[in-house]
């Protein structure tokens, strides 16, 4: 299971998300109501446990600029959330080992997601950060070789159902746990993480049950 809380803009929300059990935090460097400066991110990251994965979010940025900003901000990985080509992704990965490529559900890019060098693929709605959901069945059109990070319209109320339906490698949320742009709602955040973890644990139990019963059908939500 993997739970990423994106759109972090302040230290209080970052520490709260970590305390509640988030595996990763996302900081938006692309133009957005949640955009935050690299130096501010560096100050926040320095106060976080090293076990927490920190990711900078970019959109259609030059690969070298992505690399430079990751280093300046002190985050560990990069999320490319635009129309970056496989070549752009590959160029970033020469210097940054942990790279997420975002695609729009149902798009050609999603259907050919295994063309990207990274197998960490975030599946989002056509309007990232809008909070609008989409038909999660579209995820089934993606190659089975990629690790799917499900995003787009997730909330504390629907994340459990979405995980049960898609069986993703992980989930990503931003606006679905906010009280206003860039500021998280502690109650929604807590419920989201709890409900997501419970749903992932249910997947594990199903897999174990199938193995005990000698079911040969493949079930591996990590792939």
C-alpha atoms as a PDB file:
ATOM      1  CA  UNK A   1       0.000   0.000   0.000  1.00  0.00           C
ATOM      2  CA  UNK A   2       1.133   3.529  -0.734  1.00  0.00           C
ATOM      3  CA  UNK A   3      -0.627   6.754   0.255  1.00  0.00           C
ATOM      4  CA  UNK A   4       0.543  10.124  -1.059  1.00  0.00           C
ATOM      5  CA  UNK A   5      -0.851  13.435   0.172  1.00  0.00           C
ATOM      6  CA  UNK A   6      -0.284  16.119  -2.426  1.00  0.00           C
ATOM      7  CA  UNK A   7      -0.599  19.886  -2.492  1.00  0.00           C
ATOM      8  CA  UNK A   8       1.247  20.401   0.809  1.00  0.00           C
ATOM      9  CA  UNK A   9       2.014  24.089   1.341  1.00  0.00           C
ATOM     10  CA  UNK A  10       2.904  24.365   5.013  1.00  0.00           C
ATOM     11  CA  UNK A  11       4.794  22.597   7.773  1.00  0.00           C
ATOM     12  CA  UNK A  12       1.737  21.957   9.952  1.00  0.00           C
ATOM     13  CA  UNK A  13      -0.052  19.951   7.258  1.00  0.00           C
ATOM     14  CA  UNK A  14       3.132  18.093   6.360  1.00  0.00           C
ATOM     15  CA  UNK A  15       3.759  16.980   9.933  1.00  0.00           C
ATOM     16  CA  UNK A  16       0.104  16.063  10.438  1.00  0.00           C
ATOM     17  CA  UNK A  17      -0.004  13.923   7.296  1.00  0.00           C
ATOM     18  CA  UNK A  18       3.143  12.103   8.390  1.00  0.00           C
ATOM     19  CA  UNK A  19       1.819  11.573  11.914  1.00  0.00           C
ATOM     20  CA  UNK A  20      -1.376  10.089  10.487  1.00  0.00           C
ATOM     21  CA  UNK A  21       0.569   7.594   8.392  1.00  0.00           C
ATOM     22  CA  UNK A  22       1.097   9.100   4.933  1.00  0.00           C
ATOM     23  CA  UNK A  23       3.881   7.416   2.969  1.00  0.00           C
ATOM     24  CA  UNK A  24       4.638  10.385   0.725  1.00  0.00           C
ATOM     25  CA  UNK A  25       4.047  14.124   0.437  1.00  0.00           C
ATOM     26  CA  UNK A  26       3.748  16.133  -2.761  1.00  0.00           C
ATOM     27  CA  UNK A  27       4.780  19.784  -3.205  1.00  0.00           C
ATOM     28  CA  UNK A  28       3.519  21.626  -6.278  1.00  0.00           C
ATOM     29  CA  UNK A  29       6.098  23.698  -8.155  1.00  0.00           C
ATOM     30  CA  UNK A  30       3.898  24.114 -11.238  1.00  0.00           C
ATOM     31  CA  UNK A  31       1.498  27.081 -11.504  1.00  0.00           C
ATOM     32  CA  UNK A  32      -1.379  26.254  -9.149  1.00  0.00           C
ATOM     33  CA  UNK A  33      -3.341  27.639  -6.171  1.00  0.00           C
ATOM     34  CA  UNK A  34      -1.142  25.216  -4.181  1.00  0.00           C
ATOM     35  CA  UNK A  35       2.165  26.314  -5.697  1.00  0.00           C
ATOM     36  CA  UNK A  36       4.996  26.644  -3.195  1.00  0.00           C
ATOM     37  CA  UNK A  37       8.550  27.986  -3.517  1.00  0.00           C
ATOM     38  CA  UNK A  38      11.478  25.544  -3.525  1.00  0.00           C
ATOM     39  CA  UNK A  39      13.167  27.257  -0.577  1.00  0.00           C
ATOM     40  CA  UNK A  40       9.994  26.984   1.501  1.00  0.00           C
ATOM     41  CA  UNK A  41       9.796  23.282   0.631  1.00  0.00           C
ATOM     42  CA  UNK A  42      13.402  22.800   1.709  1.00  0.00           C
ATOM     43  CA  UNK A  43      12.524  24.241   5.142  1.00  0.00           C
ATOM     44  CA  UNK A  44       9.597  21.824   5.491  1.00  0.00           C
ATOM     45  CA  UNK A  45      11.465  18.773   4.212  1.00  0.00           C
ATOM     46  CA  UNK A  46      14.274  19.289   6.722  1.00  0.00           C
ATOM     47  CA  UNK A  47      11.763  18.722   9.543  1.00  0.00           C
ATOM     48  CA  UNK A  48      10.363  15.468   8.173  1.00  0.00           C
ATOM     49  CA  UNK A  49      11.461  11.899   8.953  1.00  0.00           C
ATOM     50  CA  UNK A  50      13.779  10.492   6.297  1.00  0.00           C
ATOM     51  CA  UNK A  51      11.399   7.564   5.838  1.00  0.00           C
ATOM     52  CA  UNK A  52       8.812   9.868   4.235  1.00  0.00           C
ATOM     53  CA  UNK A  53       9.062  10.183   0.468  1.00  0.00           C
ATOM     54  CA  UNK A  54       8.910  13.797  -0.716  1.00  0.00           C
ATOM     55  CA  UNK A  55       7.989  14.606  -4.308  1.00  0.00           C
ATOM     56  CA  UNK A  56       8.037  17.796  -6.354  1.00  0.00           C
ATOM     57  CA  UNK A  57       5.212  18.209  -8.880  1.00  0.00           C
ATOM     58  CA  UNK A  58       6.003  19.776 -12.272  1.00  0.00           C
ATOM     59  CA  UNK A  59       4.019  20.406 -15.446  1.00  0.00           C
ATOM     60  CA  UNK A  60       5.662  20.674 -18.881  1.00  0.00           C
ATOM     61  CA  UNK A  61       8.899  21.947 -17.346  1.00  0.00           C
ATOM     62  CA  UNK A  62      12.289  21.587 -19.016  1.00  0.00           C
ATOM     63  CA  UNK A  63      13.991  18.402 -17.715  1.00  0.00           C
ATOM     64  CA  UNK A  64      17.055  20.259 -16.448  1.00  0.00           C
ATOM     65  CA  UNK A  65      14.840  22.724 -14.607  1.00  0.00           C
ATOM     66  CA  UNK A  66      13.072  19.793 -12.947  1.00  0.00           C
ATOM     67  CA  UNK A  67      16.405  18.334 -11.865  1.00  0.00           C
ATOM     68  CA  UNK A  68      17.677  21.681 -10.558  1.00  0.00           C
ATOM     69  CA  UNK A  69      14.485  22.378  -8.584  1.00  0.00           C
ATOM     70  CA  UNK A  70      14.463  18.905  -7.020  1.00  0.00           C
ATOM     71  CA  UNK A  71      17.996  19.508  -5.794  1.00  0.00           C
ATOM     72  CA  UNK A  72      17.248  23.052  -4.626  1.00  0.00           C
ATOM     73  CA  UNK A  73      14.151  22.039  -2.680  1.00  0.00           C
ATOM     74  CA  UNK A  74      15.614  18.910  -1.139  1.00  0.00           C
ATOM     75  CA  UNK A  75      12.767  16.612  -2.227  1.00  0.00           C
ATOM     76  CA  UNK A  76      13.579  13.041  -3.173  1.00  0.00           C
ATOM     77  CA  UNK A  77      11.519  12.537  -6.327  1.00  0.00           C
ATOM     78  CA  UNK A  78       9.692  14.264  -9.168  1.00  0.00           C
ATOM     79  CA  UNK A  79       6.159  13.966 -10.510  1.00  0.00           C
ATOM     80  CA  UNK A  80       5.774  15.019 -14.149  1.00  0.00           C
ATOM     81  CA  UNK A  81       2.173  16.078 -14.485  1.00  0.00           C
ATOM     82  CA  UNK A  82       2.015  17.483 -18.002  1.00  0.00           C
ATOM     83  CA  UNK A  83       2.545  16.286 -21.565  1.00  0.00           C
ATOM     84  CA  UNK A  84       6.126  15.165 -21.058  1.00  0.00           C
ATOM     85  CA  UNK A  85       7.399  12.724 -23.671  1.00  0.00           C
ATOM     86  CA  UNK A  86       9.107   9.415 -22.842  1.00  0.00           C
ATOM     87  CA  UNK A  87      12.374  11.134 -23.790  1.00  0.00           C
ATOM     88  CA  UNK A  88      11.715  13.954 -21.287  1.00  0.00           C
ATOM     89  CA  UNK A  89      10.982  11.429 -18.548  1.00  0.00           C
ATOM     90  CA  UNK A  90      14.126   9.483 -19.390  1.00  0.00           C
ATOM     91  CA  UNK A  91      16.224  12.656 -19.219  1.00  0.00           C
ATOM     92  CA  UNK A  92      14.937  13.456 -15.738  1.00  0.00           C
ATOM     93  CA  UNK A  93      15.528   9.884 -14.587  1.00  0.00           C
ATOM     94  CA  UNK A  94      19.214  10.115 -15.447  1.00  0.00           C
ATOM     95  CA  UNK A  95      19.566  12.308 -12.341  1.00  0.00           C
ATOM     96  CA  UNK A  96      16.407  11.592 -10.317  1.00  0.00           C
ATOM     97  CA  UNK A  97      15.772   7.964  -9.410  1.00  0.00           C
ATOM     98  CA  UNK A  98      12.175   8.254  -8.208  1.00  0.00           C
ATOM     99  CA  UNK A  99       9.951   9.702 -10.955  1.00  0.00           C
ATOM    100  CA  UNK A 100       6.171   9.534 -11.287  1.00  0.00           C
ATOM    101  CA  UNK A 101       4.614  10.190 -14.701  1.00  0.00           C
ATOM    102  CA  UNK A 102       1.029  11.408 -14.614  1.00  0.00           C
ATOM    103  CA  UNK A 103      -1.442  10.563 -17.379  1.00  0.00           C
ATOM    104  CA  UNK A 104      -5.118  11.311 -17.967  1.00  0.00           C
ATOM    105  CA  UNK A 105      -7.450   8.355 -17.544  1.00  0.00           C
ATOM    106  CA  UNK A 106      -8.596   6.984 -20.895  1.00  0.00           C
ATOM    107  CA  UNK A 107      -5.977   8.892 -22.893  1.00  0.00           C
ATOM    108  CA  UNK A 108      -3.563   7.448 -25.451  1.00  0.00           C
ATOM    109  CA  UNK A 109      -0.749   8.226 -23.014  1.00  0.00           C
ATOM    110  CA  UNK A 110      -2.477   6.119 -20.354  1.00  0.00           C
ATOM    111  CA  UNK A 111      -2.992   3.213 -22.727  1.00  0.00           C
ATOM    112  CA  UNK A 112       0.702   3.362 -23.697  1.00  0.00           C
ATOM    113  CA  UNK A 113       2.023   4.125 -20.219  1.00  0.00           C
ATOM    114  CA  UNK A 114       4.638   1.401 -20.515  1.00  0.00           C
ATOM    115  CA  UNK A 115       6.400   3.584 -23.107  1.00  0.00           C
ATOM    116  CA  UNK A 116       7.744   5.692 -20.239  1.00  0.00           C
ATOM    117  CA  UNK A 117      10.988   4.655 -18.597  1.00  0.00           C
ATOM    118  CA  UNK A 118       9.379   4.771 -15.161  1.00  0.00           C
ATOM    119  CA  UNK A 119       6.681   2.278 -14.196  1.00  0.00           C
ATOM    120  CA  UNK A 120       5.266   4.651 -11.590  1.00  0.00           C
ATOM    121  CA  UNK A 121       2.195   6.012 -13.344  1.00  0.00           C
ATOM    122  CA  UNK A 122      -0.301   8.357 -11.708  1.00  0.00           C
ATOM    123  CA  UNK A 123      -3.750   8.250 -13.316  1.00  0.00           C
ATOM    124  CA  UNK A 124      -5.693  11.488 -12.949  1.00  0.00           C
ATOM    125  CA  UNK A 125      -8.781  13.235 -14.255  1.00  0.00           C
ATOM    126  CA  UNK A 126      -8.600  15.688 -17.194  1.00  0.00           C
ATOM    127  CA  UNK A 127      -8.571  18.543 -14.632  1.00  0.00           C
ATOM    128  CA  UNK A 128      -5.848  17.771 -12.050  1.00  0.00           C
ATOM    129  CA  UNK A 129      -6.518  19.206  -8.607  1.00  0.00           C
ATOM    130  CA  UNK A 130     -10.141  19.974  -9.432  1.00  0.00           C
ATOM    131  CA  UNK A 131     -11.579  17.277  -7.195  1.00  0.00           C
ATOM    132  CA  UNK A 132     -13.669  15.863 -10.047  1.00  0.00           C
ATOM    133  CA  UNK A 133     -13.880  12.076 -10.261  1.00  0.00           C
ATOM    134  CA  UNK A 134     -13.994   9.986 -13.438  1.00  0.00           C
ATOM    135  CA  UNK A 135     -14.860   6.443 -14.433  1.00  0.00           C
ATOM    136  CA  UNK A 136     -12.214   4.409 -12.609  1.00  0.00           C
ATOM    137  CA  UNK A 137     -12.906   1.508 -14.960  1.00  0.00           C
ATOM    138  CA  UNK A 138     -10.727   3.418 -17.458  1.00  0.00           C
ATOM    139  CA  UNK A 139      -7.712   2.316 -15.446  1.00  0.00           C
ATOM    140  CA  UNK A 140      -8.276  -1.207 -16.777  1.00  0.00           C
ATOM    141  CA  UNK A 141      -7.159   0.027 -20.206  1.00  0.00           C
ATOM    142  CA  UNK A 142      -3.617   0.537 -18.927  1.00  0.00           C
ATOM    143  CA  UNK A 143      -0.724  -1.919 -19.338  1.00  0.00           C
ATOM    144  CA  UNK A 144      -0.476  -4.414 -16.490  1.00  0.00           C
ATOM    145  CA  UNK A 145       3.266  -3.801 -16.208  1.00  0.00           C
ATOM    146  CA  UNK A 146       2.930  -0.352 -14.612  1.00  0.00           C
ATOM    147  CA  UNK A 147       2.365   0.482 -10.965  1.00  0.00           C
ATOM    148  CA  UNK A 148      -0.795   2.597 -10.836  1.00  0.00           C
ATOM    149  CA  UNK A 149      -1.083   5.503  -8.421  1.00  0.00           C
ATOM    150  CA  UNK A 150      -4.793   6.324  -8.471  1.00  0.00           C
ATOM    151  CA  UNK A 151      -5.753  10.017  -8.245  1.00  0.00           C
ATOM    152  CA  UNK A 152      -8.536  12.352  -9.288  1.00  0.00           C
ATOM    153  CA  UNK A 153     -11.696  12.966  -7.290  1.00  0.00           C
ATOM    154  CA  UNK A 154     -10.709  10.798  -4.346  1.00  0.00           C
ATOM    155  CA  UNK A 155     -12.095  11.665  -0.913  1.00  0.00           C
ATOM    156  CA  UNK A 156     -12.259  10.021   2.480  1.00  0.00           C
ATOM    157  CA  UNK A 157     -15.742   8.799   1.534  1.00  0.00           C
ATOM    158  CA  UNK A 158     -14.948   7.102  -1.796  1.00  0.00           C
ATOM    159  CA  UNK A 159     -11.309   6.012  -1.513  1.00  0.00           C
ATOM    160  CA  UNK A 160     -12.198   2.606  -0.093  1.00  0.00           C
ATOM    161  CA  UNK A 161     -14.582   1.831  -2.952  1.00  0.00           C
ATOM    162  CA  UNK A 162     -12.067   3.084  -5.528  1.00  0.00           C
ATOM    163  CA  UNK A 163      -9.293   0.871  -4.144  1.00  0.00           C
ATOM    164  CA  UNK A 164     -11.587  -2.164  -4.104  1.00  0.00           C
ATOM    165  CA  UNK A 165     -12.571  -1.481  -7.729  1.00  0.00           C
ATOM    166  CA  UNK A 166      -9.140  -0.706  -9.189  1.00  0.00           C
ATOM    167  CA  UNK A 167      -6.692  -2.474  -6.836  1.00  0.00           C
ATOM    168  CA  UNK A 168      -4.022   0.166  -7.476  1.00  0.00           C
ATOM    169  CA  UNK A 169      -0.448   0.169  -6.204  1.00  0.00           C
ATOM    170  CA  UNK A 170      -1.261   3.376  -4.320  1.00  0.00           C
ATOM    171  CA  UNK A 171      -3.497   6.434  -4.061  1.00  0.00           C
ATOM    172  CA  UNK A 172      -2.892  10.172  -4.256  1.00  0.00           C
ATOM    173  CA  UNK A 173      -5.128  12.944  -2.923  1.00  0.00           C
ATOM    174  CA  UNK A 174      -4.980  16.726  -2.783  1.00  0.00           C
ATOM    175  CA  UNK A 175      -8.222  18.717  -2.935  1.00  0.00           C
ATOM    176  CA  UNK A 176     -10.263  15.832  -1.529  1.00  0.00           C
ATOM    177  CA  UNK A 177      -8.825  16.410   1.960  1.00  0.00           C
ATOM    178  CA  UNK A 178      -8.718  20.213   1.934  1.00  0.00           C
ATOM    179  CA  UNK A 179     -10.665  22.841   3.825  1.00  0.00           C
ATOM    180  CA  UNK A 180      -9.404  25.513   1.383  1.00  0.00           C
ATOM    181  CA  UNK A 181      -6.796  25.678  -1.391  1.00  0.00           C
ATOM    182  CA  UNK A 182      -3.476  24.572   0.068  1.00  0.00           C
ATOM    183  CA  UNK A 183      -4.744  23.835   3.573  1.00  0.00           C
ATOM    184  CA  UNK A 184      -5.727  20.348   4.704  1.00  0.00           C
ATOM    185  CA  UNK A 185      -8.761  19.439   6.789  1.00  0.00           C
ATOM    186  CA  UNK A 186      -7.427  17.314   9.684  1.00  0.00           C
ATOM    187  CA  UNK A 187     -10.587  15.206   9.977  1.00  0.00           C
ATOM    188  CA  UNK A 188     -10.816  14.477   6.245  1.00  0.00           C
ATOM    189  CA  UNK A 189      -7.101  13.726   6.130  1.00  0.00           C
ATOM    190  CA  UNK A 190      -7.338  11.277   9.021  1.00  0.00           C
ATOM    191  CA  UNK A 191     -10.354   9.494   7.584  1.00  0.00           C
ATOM    192  CA  UNK A 192      -8.800   9.298   4.125  1.00  0.00           C
ATOM    193  CA  UNK A 193      -5.643   7.608   5.379  1.00  0.00           C
ATOM    194  CA  UNK A 194      -7.581   5.259   7.665  1.00  0.00           C
ATOM    195  CA  UNK A 195     -10.050   4.266   4.951  1.00  0.00           C
ATOM    196  CA  UNK A 196      -7.328   3.806   2.345  1.00  0.00           C
ATOM    197  CA  UNK A 197      -5.264   1.578   4.618  1.00  0.00           C
ATOM    198  CA  UNK A 198      -8.304  -0.494   5.541  1.00  0.00           C
ATOM    199  CA  UNK A 199      -9.127  -1.002   1.853  1.00  0.00           C
ATOM    200  CA  UNK A 200      -5.563  -2.035   1.012  1.00  0.00           C
ATOM    201  CA  UNK A 201      -5.595  -4.478   3.927  1.00  0.00           C
ATOM    202  CA  UNK A 202      -8.813  -5.973   2.526  1.00  0.00           C
ATOM    203  CA  UNK A 203      -7.017  -6.537  -0.792  1.00  0.00           C
ATOM    204  CA  UNK A 204      -4.233  -8.336   1.028  1.00  0.00           C
ATOM    205  CA  UNK A 205      -6.734 -10.575   2.822  1.00  0.00           C
ATOM    206  CA  UNK A 206      -8.435 -11.444  -0.462  1.00  0.00           C
ATOM    207  CA  UNK A 207      -5.099 -12.341  -2.011  1.00  0.00           C
ATOM    208  CA  UNK A 208      -4.130 -14.523   0.955  1.00  0.00           C
ATOM    209  CA  UNK A 209      -7.511 -16.257   0.885  1.00  0.00           C
ATOM    210  CA  UNK A 210      -7.165 -17.054  -2.814  1.00  0.00           C
ATOM    211  CA  UNK A 211      -3.714 -18.511  -2.234  1.00  0.00           C
ATOM    212  CA  UNK A 212      -4.941 -20.706   0.629  1.00  0.00           C
ATOM    213  CA  UNK A 213      -7.800 -21.937  -1.522  1.00  0.00           C
ATOM    214  CA  UNK A 214      -5.456 -22.856  -4.349  1.00  0.00           C
ATOM    215  CA  UNK A 215      -6.766 -20.207  -6.730  1.00  0.00           C
ATOM    216  CA  UNK A 216      -4.268 -19.937  -9.584  1.00  0.00           C
ATOM    217  CA  UNK A 217      -5.598 -16.628 -10.884  1.00  0.00           C
ATOM    218  CA  UNK A 218      -2.924 -13.932 -10.687  1.00  0.00           C
ATOM    219  CA  UNK A 219      -3.492 -11.270  -8.073  1.00  0.00           C
ATOM    220  CA  UNK A 220      -0.668  -8.817  -7.500  1.00  0.00           C
ATOM    221  CA  UNK A 221      -1.692  -5.215  -6.896  1.00  0.00           C
ATOM    222  CA  UNK A 222       1.965  -4.173  -6.699  1.00  0.00           C
ATOM    223  CA  UNK A 223       2.323  -4.636 -10.474  1.00  0.00           C
END
